[in-house]
C-alpha atoms as a PDB file:
ATOM      1  CA  MET A   1      -3.269  -1.396  -2.842  1.00  0.00           C
ATOM      2  CA  SER A   2      -0.207   0.720  -2.176  1.00  0.00           C
ATOM      3  CA  VAL A   3       3.276  -0.748  -2.072  1.00  0.00           C
ATOM      4  CA  VAL A   4       3.657  -0.039   1.646  1.00  0.00           C
ATOM      5  CA  LYS A   5       0.356  -1.694   2.546  1.00  0.00           C
ATOM      6  CA  ASN A   6       1.183  -4.694   0.354  1.00  0.00           C
ATOM      7  CA  PHE A   7       4.572  -5.047   2.057  1.00  0.00           C
ATOM      8  CA  ILE A   8       2.947  -4.899   5.513  1.00  0.00           C
ATOM      9  CA  ASN A   9       0.308  -7.484   4.594  1.00  0.00           C
ATOM     10  CA  ASN A  10       2.961  -9.872   3.242  1.00  0.00           C
ATOM     11  CA  SER A  11       5.023  -9.506   6.427  1.00  0.00           C
ATOM     12  CA  ILE A  12       1.969 -10.189   8.604  1.00  0.00           C
ATOM     13  CA  ARG A  13       1.099 -13.281   6.557  1.00  0.00           C
ATOM     14  CA  GLU A  14       4.663 -14.612   6.825  1.00  0.00           C
ATOM     15  CA  LEU A  15       4.515 -14.143  10.598  1.00  0.00           C
ATOM     16  CA  GLU A  16       1.199 -16.015  10.743  1.00  0.00           C
ATOM     17  CA  ILE A  17       2.657 -18.852   8.669  1.00  0.00           C
ATOM     18  CA  HIS A  18       5.686 -19.029  10.966  1.00  0.00           C
ATOM     19  CA  ASP A  19       3.461 -19.202  14.061  1.00  0.00           C
ATOM     20  CA  PHE A  20       1.311 -21.899  12.449  1.00  0.00           C
ATOM     21  CA  LEU A  21       4.335 -24.032  11.527  1.00  0.00           C
ATOM     22  CA  GLU A  22       5.846 -23.566  14.979  1.00  0.00           C
ATOM     23  CA  GLU A  23       2.667 -24.857  16.616  1.00  0.00           C
ATOM     24  CA  GLU A  24       2.167 -27.747  14.195  1.00  0.00           C
ATOM     25  CA  LEU A  25       5.801 -28.927  14.148  1.00  0.00           C
ATOM     26  CA  ARG A  26       6.684 -28.533  17.815  1.00  0.00           C
ATOM     27  CA  ARG A  27       7.329 -32.285  18.183  1.00  0.00           C
ATOM     28  CA  ALA A  28       9.690 -32.200  15.222  1.00  0.00           C
ATOM     29  CA  GLY A  29      11.911 -29.543  16.795  1.00  0.00           C
ATOM     30  CA  PHE A  30      10.900 -26.648  14.539  1.00  0.00           C
ATOM     31  CA  GLY A  31      13.891 -24.423  13.845  1.00  0.00           C
ATOM     32  CA  GLY A  32      12.428 -21.742  11.606  1.00  0.00           C
ATOM     33  CA  ALA A  33      11.341 -21.396   7.997  1.00  0.00           C
ATOM     34  CA  GLU A  34      12.351 -19.434   4.916  1.00  0.00           C
ATOM     35  CA  ILE A  35       9.582 -18.261   2.577  1.00  0.00           C
ATOM     36  CA  THR A  36      10.496 -17.189  -0.954  1.00  0.00           C
ATOM     37  CA  LYS A  37       8.195 -16.248  -3.808  1.00  0.00           C
ATOM     38  CA  THR A  38       9.134 -17.566  -7.255  1.00  0.00           C
ATOM     39  CA  PRO A  39       7.402 -17.417 -10.661  1.00  0.00           C
ATOM     40  CA  LEU A  40       6.431 -21.085 -10.221  1.00  0.00           C
ATOM     41  CA  GLY A  41       4.979 -20.705  -6.721  1.00  0.00           C
ATOM     42  CA  THR A  42       5.982 -20.172  -3.083  1.00  0.00           C
ATOM     43  CA  ARG A  43       9.050 -22.044  -1.875  1.00  0.00           C
ATOM     44  CA  ILE A  44       9.155 -22.843   1.837  1.00  0.00           C
ATOM     45  CA  ILE A  45      12.231 -24.337   3.523  1.00  0.00           C
ATOM     46  CA  ILE A  46      11.459 -25.796   6.952  1.00  0.00           C
ATOM     47  CA  TYR A  47      14.347 -26.366   9.378  1.00  0.00           C
ATOM     48  CA  ALA A  48      13.709 -29.097  11.945  1.00  0.00           C
ATOM     49  CA  MET A  49      15.617 -31.439  14.240  1.00  0.00           C
ATOM     50  CA  LYS A  50      13.506 -34.420  13.105  1.00  0.00           C
ATOM     51  CA  PRO A  51      12.712 -34.112   9.392  1.00  0.00           C
ATOM     52  CA  GLY A  52      11.000 -37.501   9.397  1.00  0.00           C
ATOM     53  CA  ILE A  53       8.150 -36.181  11.555  1.00  0.00           C
ATOM     54  CA  VAL A  54       7.673 -33.218   9.214  1.00  0.00           C
ATOM     55  CA  ILE A  55       7.534 -35.457   6.146  1.00  0.00           C
ATOM     56  CA  GLY A  56       5.459 -38.205   7.744  1.00  0.00           C
ATOM     57  CA  ARG A  57       4.918 -41.741   6.559  1.00  0.00           C
ATOM     58  CA  ARG A  58       5.055 -41.759   2.760  1.00  0.00           C
ATOM     59  CA  GLY A  59       4.845 -37.968   2.802  1.00  0.00           C
ATOM     60  CA  THR A  60       1.390 -37.714   4.382  1.00  0.00           C
ATOM     61  CA  ASN A  61       2.291 -34.912   6.806  1.00  0.00           C
ATOM     62  CA  ILE A  62       4.017 -32.737   4.236  1.00  0.00           C
ATOM     63  CA  ARG A  63       1.100 -33.118   1.812  1.00  0.00           C
ATOM     64  CA  GLY A  64      -1.272 -32.066   4.592  1.00  0.00           C
ATOM     65  CA  LEU A  65       0.859 -29.004   5.340  1.00  0.00           C
ATOM     66  CA  THR A  66       0.908 -28.077   1.679  1.00  0.00           C
ATOM     67  CA  ARG A  67      -2.875 -28.288   1.463  1.00  0.00           C
ATOM     68  CA  VAL A  68      -3.390 -26.196   4.623  1.00  0.00           C
ATOM     69  CA  LEU A  69      -0.936 -23.514   3.515  1.00  0.00           C
ATOM     70  CA  GLU A  70      -2.626 -23.282   0.142  1.00  0.00           C
ATOM     71  CA  GLU A  71      -6.186 -23.092   1.510  1.00  0.00           C
ATOM     72  CA  LYS A  72      -5.733 -21.186   4.790  1.00  0.00           C
ATOM     73  CA  PHE A  73      -3.047 -18.685   3.768  1.00  0.00           C
ATOM     74  CA  ASN A  74      -3.836 -18.445   0.021  1.00  0.00           C
ATOM     75  CA  LEU A  75      -0.312 -19.365  -1.046  1.00  0.00           C
ATOM     76  CA  PHE A  76       0.191 -19.968  -4.726  1.00  0.00           C
ATOM     77  CA  ASN A  77       1.533 -23.486  -5.427  1.00  0.00           C
ATOM     78  CA  PRO A  78       3.446 -23.966  -2.135  1.00  0.00           C
ATOM     79  CA  GLN A  79       6.548 -26.155  -2.481  1.00  0.00           C
ATOM     80  CA  ILE A  80       7.895 -27.387   0.862  1.00  0.00           C
ATOM     81  CA  ALA A  81      11.464 -28.582   1.430  1.00  0.00           C
ATOM     82  CA  VAL A  82      12.759 -29.892   4.757  1.00  0.00           C
ATOM     83  CA  SER A  83      16.302 -29.336   6.027  1.00  0.00           C
ATOM     84  CA  GLU A  84      17.737 -30.996   9.118  1.00  0.00           C
ATOM     85  CA  VAL A  85      19.264 -28.838  11.846  1.00  0.00           C
ATOM     86  CA  GLU A  86      22.658 -30.411  12.538  1.00  0.00           C
ATOM     87  CA  VAL A  87      23.517 -28.358  15.653  1.00  0.00           C
ATOM     88  CA  PRO A  88      20.295 -27.494  17.526  1.00  0.00           C
ATOM     89  CA  GLU A  89      22.208 -25.410  20.099  1.00  0.00           C
ATOM     90  CA  LEU A  90      23.058 -22.868  17.376  1.00  0.00           C
ATOM     91  CA  ASN A  91      19.434 -22.429  16.290  1.00  0.00           C
ATOM     92  CA  ALA A  92      17.634 -19.620  18.117  1.00  0.00           C
ATOM     93  CA  SER A  93      14.119 -20.981  17.491  1.00  0.00           C
ATOM     94  CA  ILE A  94      14.953 -24.400  18.918  1.00  0.00           C
ATOM     95  CA  MET A  95      16.671 -22.962  21.982  1.00  0.00           C
ATOM     96  CA  ALA A  96      13.789 -20.567  22.629  1.00  0.00           C
ATOM     97  CA  SER A  97      11.372 -23.519  22.512  1.00  0.00           C
ATOM     98  CA  ARG A  98      13.592 -25.476  24.914  1.00  0.00           C
ATOM     99  CA  ILE A  99      13.602 -22.574  27.356  1.00  0.00           C
ATOM    100  CA  ALA A 100       9.808 -22.304  27.110  1.00  0.00           C
ATOM    101  CA  ASP A 101       9.395 -26.053  27.732  1.00  0.00           C
ATOM    102  CA  ALA A 102      11.718 -25.895  30.755  1.00  0.00           C
ATOM    103  CA  LEU A 103       9.757 -23.002  32.255  1.00  0.00           C
ATOM    104  CA  GLN A 104       6.499 -24.887  31.762  1.00  0.00           C
ATOM    105  CA  ARG A 105       7.969 -27.878  33.605  1.00  0.00           C
ATOM    106  CA  GLY A 106       8.657 -25.628  36.596  1.00  0.00           C
ATOM    107  CA  VAL A 107      12.415 -25.117  36.215  1.00  0.00           C
ATOM    108  CA  HIS A 108      13.572 -21.804  37.714  1.00  0.00           C
ATOM    109  CA  PHE A 109      14.091 -19.126  35.071  1.00  0.00           C
ATOM    110  CA  ARG A 110      17.661 -18.293  36.180  1.00  0.00           C
ATOM    111  CA  ARG A 111      18.720 -21.921  36.026  1.00  0.00           C
ATOM    112  CA  THR A 112      17.077 -22.248  32.619  1.00  0.00           C
ATOM    113  CA  GLY A 113      18.739 -19.103  31.285  1.00  0.00           C
ATOM    114  CA  PHE A 114      22.249 -20.035  32.420  1.00  0.00           C
ATOM    115  CA  TRP A 115      21.795 -23.620  31.176  1.00  0.00           C
ATOM    116  CA  ALA A 116      20.753 -22.458  27.710  1.00  0.00           C
ATOM    117  CA  LEU A 117      23.595 -19.910  27.577  1.00  0.00           C
ATOM    118  CA  ASN A 118      26.197 -22.557  28.448  1.00  0.00           C
ATOM    119  CA  GLN A 119      24.792 -24.993  25.887  1.00  0.00           C
ATOM    120  CA  ILE A 120      24.933 -22.382  23.124  1.00  0.00           C
ATOM    121  CA  MET A 121      28.463 -21.194  23.902  1.00  0.00           C
ATOM    122  CA  ARG A 122      29.777 -24.764  24.223  1.00  0.00           C
ATOM    123  CA  ALA A 123      28.471 -25.438  20.709  1.00  0.00           C
ATOM    124  CA  GLY A 124      30.908 -22.814  19.400  1.00  0.00           C
ATOM    125  CA  ALA A 125      28.781 -19.680  19.165  1.00  0.00           C
ATOM    126  CA  VAL A 126      30.608 -16.361  18.877  1.00  0.00           C
ATOM    127  CA  GLY A 127      28.033 -14.657  21.093  1.00  0.00           C
ATOM    128  CA  CYS A 128      24.650 -15.203  22.685  1.00  0.00           C
ATOM    129  CA  GLU A 129      22.004 -13.148  24.448  1.00  0.00           C
ATOM    130  CA  ILE A 130      18.906 -14.492  26.197  1.00  0.00           C
ATOM    131  CA  ILE A 131      16.207 -12.210  27.618  1.00  0.00           C
ATOM    132  CA  ILE A 132      13.347 -13.568  29.729  1.00  0.00           C
ATOM    133  CA  LYS A 133      10.554 -11.063  30.427  1.00  0.00           C
ATOM    134  CA  GLY A 134       7.422 -11.204  32.522  1.00  0.00           C
ATOM    135  CA  LYS A 135       6.253 -11.637  36.098  1.00  0.00           C
ATOM    136  CA  LEU A 136       9.269 -13.666  37.162  1.00  0.00           C
ATOM    137  CA  THR A 137       9.503 -13.196  40.930  1.00  0.00           C
ATOM    138  CA  SER A 138       6.621 -10.873  41.826  1.00  0.00           C
ATOM    139  CA  ARG A 139       3.515  -9.273  40.413  1.00  0.00           C
ATOM    140  CA  ARG A 140       5.602  -6.604  38.724  1.00  0.00           C
ATOM    141  CA  HIS A 141       6.901  -7.057  35.208  1.00  0.00           C
ATOM    142  CA  ARG A 142      10.698  -7.318  34.929  1.00  0.00           C
ATOM    143  CA  TYR A 143      13.319  -9.003  32.792  1.00  0.00           C
ATOM    144  CA  GLU A 144      16.523 -10.994  33.180  1.00  0.00           C
ATOM    145  CA  LYS A 145      19.316 -10.862  30.603  1.00  0.00           C
ATOM    146  CA  TYR A 146      22.004 -13.516  30.083  1.00  0.00           C
ATOM    147  CA  ARG A 147      24.791 -12.543  27.723  1.00  0.00           C
ATOM    148  CA  GLU A 148      28.194 -13.850  26.690  1.00  0.00           C
ATOM    149  CA  GLY A 149      30.525 -13.253  23.760  1.00  0.00           C
ATOM    150  CA  TYR A 150      30.187 -10.681  20.988  1.00  0.00           C
ATOM    151  CA  ILE A 151      26.856  -9.598  19.466  1.00  0.00           C
ATOM    152  CA  PRO A 152      26.404  -6.652  17.081  1.00  0.00           C
ATOM    153  CA  ARG A 153      23.487  -4.403  17.933  1.00  0.00           C
ATOM    154  CA  VAL A 154      22.493  -2.630  14.726  1.00  0.00           C
ATOM    155  CA  GLY A 155      23.243  -2.388  11.048  1.00  0.00           C
ATOM    156  CA  ASP A 156      23.882  -4.911   8.315  1.00  0.00           C
ATOM    157  CA  PRO A 157      26.075  -7.229  10.460  1.00  0.00           C
ATOM    158  CA  PHE A 158      23.188  -7.597  12.921  1.00  0.00           C
ATOM    159  CA  LEU A 159      20.593  -8.338  10.242  1.00  0.00           C
ATOM    160  CA  LYS A 160      22.739 -10.850   8.337  1.00  0.00           C
ATOM    161  CA  ASN A 161      24.739 -12.650  11.017  1.00  0.00           C
ATOM    162  CA  VAL A 162      22.538 -12.810  14.127  1.00  0.00           C
ATOM    163  CA  ASN A 163      20.062 -15.684  14.400  1.00  0.00           C
ATOM    164  CA  ARG A 164      17.030 -14.362  16.322  1.00  0.00           C
ATOM    165  CA  ALA A 165      13.877 -15.907  17.744  1.00  0.00           C
ATOM    166  CA  VAL A 166      11.038 -14.686  19.947  1.00  0.00           C
ATOM    167  CA  THR A 167       8.495 -16.906  21.674  1.00  0.00           C
ATOM    168  CA  SER A 168       6.267 -16.867  24.730  1.00  0.00           C
ATOM    169  CA  VAL A 169       4.944 -19.290  27.307  1.00  0.00           C
ATOM    170  CA  LYS A 170       1.786 -19.009  29.392  1.00  0.00           C
ATOM    171  CA  MET A 171       2.446 -19.423  33.122  1.00  0.00           C
ATOM    172  CA  ARG A 172       0.202 -19.027  36.161  1.00  0.00           C
ATOM    173  CA  PRO A 173       1.339 -15.407  36.894  1.00  0.00           C
ATOM    174  CA  GLY A 174       0.986 -14.451  33.215  1.00  0.00           C
ATOM    175  CA  ILE A 175       2.739 -14.552  29.852  1.00  0.00           C
ATOM    176  CA  ILE A 176       6.542 -14.829  29.868  1.00  0.00           C
ATOM    177  CA  GLY A 177       8.414 -13.695  26.762  1.00  0.00           C
ATOM    178  CA  ILE A 178      11.668 -15.271  25.588  1.00  0.00           C
ATOM    179  CA  ASN A 179      14.093 -13.529  23.218  1.00  0.00           C
ATOM    180  CA  VAL A 180      17.152 -15.427  21.962  1.00  0.00           C
ATOM    181  CA  LYS A 181      19.986 -14.054  19.810  1.00  0.00           C
ATOM    182  CA  ILE A 182      22.851 -16.260  18.608  1.00  0.00           C
ATOM    183  CA  VAL A 183      25.915 -15.417  16.525  1.00  0.00           C
ATOM    184  CA  PRO A 184      27.052 -18.669  14.858  1.00  0.00           C
ATOM    185  CA  PRO A 185      30.735 -19.571  14.508  1.00  0.00           C
ATOM    186  CA  ASN A 186      32.953 -18.680  11.522  1.00  0.00           C
ATOM    187  CA  ILE A 187      31.387 -15.230  11.176  1.00  0.00           C
ATOM    188  CA  ARG A 188      33.672 -12.345  10.234  1.00  0.00           C
ATOM    189  CA  PHE A 189      32.540  -8.807  11.036  1.00  0.00           C
ATOM    190  CA  PRO A 190      33.754  -5.620   9.302  1.00  0.00           C
ATOM    191  CA  ASP A 191      35.169  -4.186  12.538  1.00  0.00           C
ATOM    192  CA  GLN A 192      37.354  -7.214  13.267  1.00  0.00           C
ATOM    193  CA  VAL A 193      41.092  -6.600  12.963  1.00  0.00           C
ATOM    194  CA  GLU A 194      43.490  -9.426  12.161  1.00  0.00           C
ATOM    195  CA  VAL A 195      46.942  -9.100  13.738  1.00  0.00           C
ATOM    196  CA  ARG A 196      49.518 -10.940  11.648  1.00  0.00           C
ATOM    197  CA  THR A 197      53.136 -11.476  12.697  1.00  0.00           C
ATOM    198  CA  LEU A 198      55.695 -10.681   9.975  1.00  0.00           C
ATOM    199  CA  THR A 199      58.281 -13.326   9.131  1.00  0.00           C
ATOM    200  CA  THR A 200      61.989 -12.622   8.727  1.00  0.00           C
ATOM    201  CA  GLU A 201      61.667 -12.271   4.950  1.00  0.00           C
ATOM    202  CA  GLU A 202      58.726  -9.873   5.292  1.00  0.00           C
ATOM    203  CA  THR A 203      60.285  -7.701   8.000  1.00  0.00           C
ATOM    204  CA  PRO A 204      61.121  -4.264   6.483  1.00  0.00           C
ATOM    205  CA  ILE A 205      64.721  -3.025   6.743  1.00  0.00           C
ATOM    206  CA  PRO A 206      65.042   0.243   8.698  1.00  0.00           C
ATOM    207  CA  GLU A 207      66.304   3.241   6.727  1.00  0.00           C
ATOM    208  CA  GLU A 208      69.219   3.676   9.140  1.00  0.00           C
ATOM    209  CA  ALA A 209      70.536   0.250   8.151  1.00  0.00           C
ATOM    210  CA  VAL A 210      70.957   1.221   4.487  1.00  0.00           C
ATOM    211  CA  SER A 211      74.590   2.307   3.914  1.00  0.00           C
ATOM    212  CA  VAL A 212      75.606   5.011   1.448  1.00  0.00           C
ATOM    213  CA  SER A 213      77.874   2.574  -0.437  1.00  0.00           C
ATOM    214  CA  SER A 214      74.875   0.436  -1.364  1.00  0.00           C
ATOM    215  CA  ILE A 215      73.313   3.285  -3.380  1.00  0.00           C
ATOM    216  CA  PRO A 216      74.181   3.203  -7.124  1.00  0.00           C
ATOM    217  CA  GLU A 217      76.396   6.032  -8.419  1.00  0.00           C
ATOM    218  CA  GLY A 218      73.771   7.356 -10.821  1.00  0.00           C
ATOM    219  CA  GLU A 219      71.285   7.825  -7.961  1.00  0.00           C
ATOM    220  CA  ALA A 220      73.696   9.539  -5.521  1.00  0.00           C
END
């Protein structure tokens, strides 16, 4: 198998694992997962609002997940760790699930989009963008975008600093897609410029203020 094909297959399997965990841990407030291969096995960090539901009573749920991941997805020695999401409003996966649940309950998509945007920005996010696509008001496909703050579009700052999540919800007119991007607080970008005010000691003396008498004789 070529390197490119192996890379594609691994990416597809990670996406399938993410979708499986999202469906299984919906009640726990699934907030994403990190999958890392190590010489001792496959390390999986699950982020959730309610870690107790993921672990289960005496660890029954987490042992069941480990067995399913090993048998269904052929993972070598999966080791699962659970991390609690302290601020759910800054997690794109959780907010995308909340938007999907609100749409399923019949809440209007504009009200849902503005509500989610306000919740995210009040939590201290630097920037946020929410896109809802599908048959929203008619039989034609369209999208609505809700954006506030600063969000990089491309490059390394986008890949490293933007928390992204994509999900969908099945409605009567059809499938509605939800795309959420969040820039968490305390993020510094390369194009940011810091303006600092000089103090009296740091203020440079203009050349016109230097008198000739202050120059030593050997340098005149």
